[in-house]
Protein backbone atom coordinates (compact mmCIF):
# COMPACT_ATOMS: atom_id res chain seq x y z
CA UNK A 1 -44.34 -31.76 15.84
CA UNK A 2 -44.23 -32.83 19.46
CA UNK A 3 -47.17 -33.14 21.82
CA UNK A 4 -47.15 -32.74 25.60
CA UNK A 5 -50.64 -33.19 27.13
CA UNK A 6 -52.21 -29.70 27.02
CA UNK A 7 -50.05 -27.99 24.41
CA UNK A 8 -48.26 -28.57 21.15
CA UNK A 9 -45.04 -27.12 19.86
CA UNK A 10 -43.05 -27.19 16.67
CA UNK A 11 -39.43 -26.11 16.56
CA UNK A 12 -39.16 -24.11 13.34
CA UNK A 13 -35.42 -23.33 13.55
CA UNK A 14 -32.69 -24.47 15.91
CA UNK A 15 -30.68 -21.23 16.00
CA UNK A 16 -27.91 -22.36 18.32
CA UNK A 17 -26.73 -24.00 21.51
CA UNK A 18 -25.89 -21.62 24.35
CA UNK A 19 -24.52 -24.26 26.72
CA UNK A 20 -24.61 -27.96 27.49
CA UNK A 21 -25.10 -29.58 30.90
CA UNK A 22 -23.14 -32.62 32.02
CA UNK A 23 -26.22 -34.85 31.58
CA UNK A 24 -26.63 -33.89 27.92
CA UNK A 25 -29.38 -31.30 28.18
CA UNK A 26 -28.69 -28.20 26.07
CA UNK A 27 -29.74 -24.60 26.59
CA UNK A 28 -30.82 -23.56 23.11
CA UNK A 29 -32.10 -20.57 21.21
CA UNK A 30 -34.88 -21.74 18.90
CA UNK A 31 -37.69 -20.29 16.86
CA UNK A 32 -40.77 -22.18 17.97
CA UNK A 33 -44.51 -22.25 17.41
CA UNK A 34 -46.65 -22.95 20.47
CA UNK A 35 -50.11 -24.43 19.84
CA UNK A 36 -49.94 -23.55 16.14
CA UNK A 37 -49.39 -19.86 16.87
CA UNK A 38 -47.03 -17.38 15.26
CA UNK A 39 -43.41 -18.54 15.76
CA UNK A 40 -41.50 -16.83 18.58
CA UNK A 41 -37.94 -16.95 19.87
CA UNK A 42 -37.32 -19.25 22.80
CA UNK A 43 -34.47 -19.90 25.23
CA UNK A 44 -34.74 -23.09 27.30
CA UNK A 45 -33.12 -26.40 28.17
CA UNK A 46 -33.94 -29.39 25.95
CA UNK A 47 -33.06 -33.05 26.09
CA UNK A 48 -31.38 -34.64 23.07
CA UNK A 49 -34.64 -35.57 21.30
CA UNK A 50 -36.46 -32.29 22.01
CA UNK A 51 -39.29 -34.22 23.65
CA UNK A 52 -38.53 -32.97 27.20
CA UNK A 53 -37.91 -29.36 28.15
CA UNK A 54 -37.03 -27.21 31.11
CA UNK A 55 -38.41 -23.82 32.02
CA UNK A 56 -37.58 -21.10 29.58
CA UNK A 57 -38.44 -17.71 28.19
CA UNK A 58 -40.28 -16.98 24.94
CA UNK A 59 -39.80 -13.67 23.12
CA UNK A 60 -41.47 -11.86 20.26
CA UNK A 61 -39.25 -10.39 17.55
CA UNK A 62 -39.47 -6.95 19.20
CA UNK A 63 -38.51 -8.42 22.58
CA UNK A 64 -35.60 -10.28 20.97
CA UNK A 65 -34.37 -7.03 19.40
CA UNK A 66 -34.63 -5.22 22.76
CA UNK A 67 -32.79 -8.07 24.50
CA UNK A 68 -30.00 -7.79 21.91
CA UNK A 69 -29.77 -4.04 22.59
CA UNK A 70 -29.49 -4.65 26.34
CA UNK A 71 -26.95 -7.47 25.93
CA UNK A 72 -24.85 -5.38 23.53
CA UNK A 73 -24.80 -2.51 26.06
CA UNK A 74 -23.77 -4.85 28.89
CA UNK A 75 -21.02 -6.46 26.82
CA UNK A 76 -19.73 -3.01 25.89
CA UNK A 77 -19.70 -2.08 29.57
CA UNK A 78 -17.87 -5.28 30.51
CA UNK A 79 -15.32 -4.80 27.73
CA UNK A 80 -14.63 -1.23 28.84
CA UNK A 81 -14.43 -2.04 32.56
CA UNK A 82 -11.75 -4.69 32.02
CA UNK A 83 -9.13 -2.13 31.04
């Protein structure tokens, strides 16, 4: 568990790396607990040790499912517009 002044977090699962910046920071999808709360899904930049983070977005399971629906629709649109 890491500590950063006013809040605590614990990365429950590292689900995957979305991209990596030239300085080594990685945009990751994780399942994370903030301040001991129920784990949520999180997209943000992390340094190699996960002790420094950038701004990100945290989603509940329902929000993650809705995001998937929206992304799937956009990918379908992009795939069909390329023809």
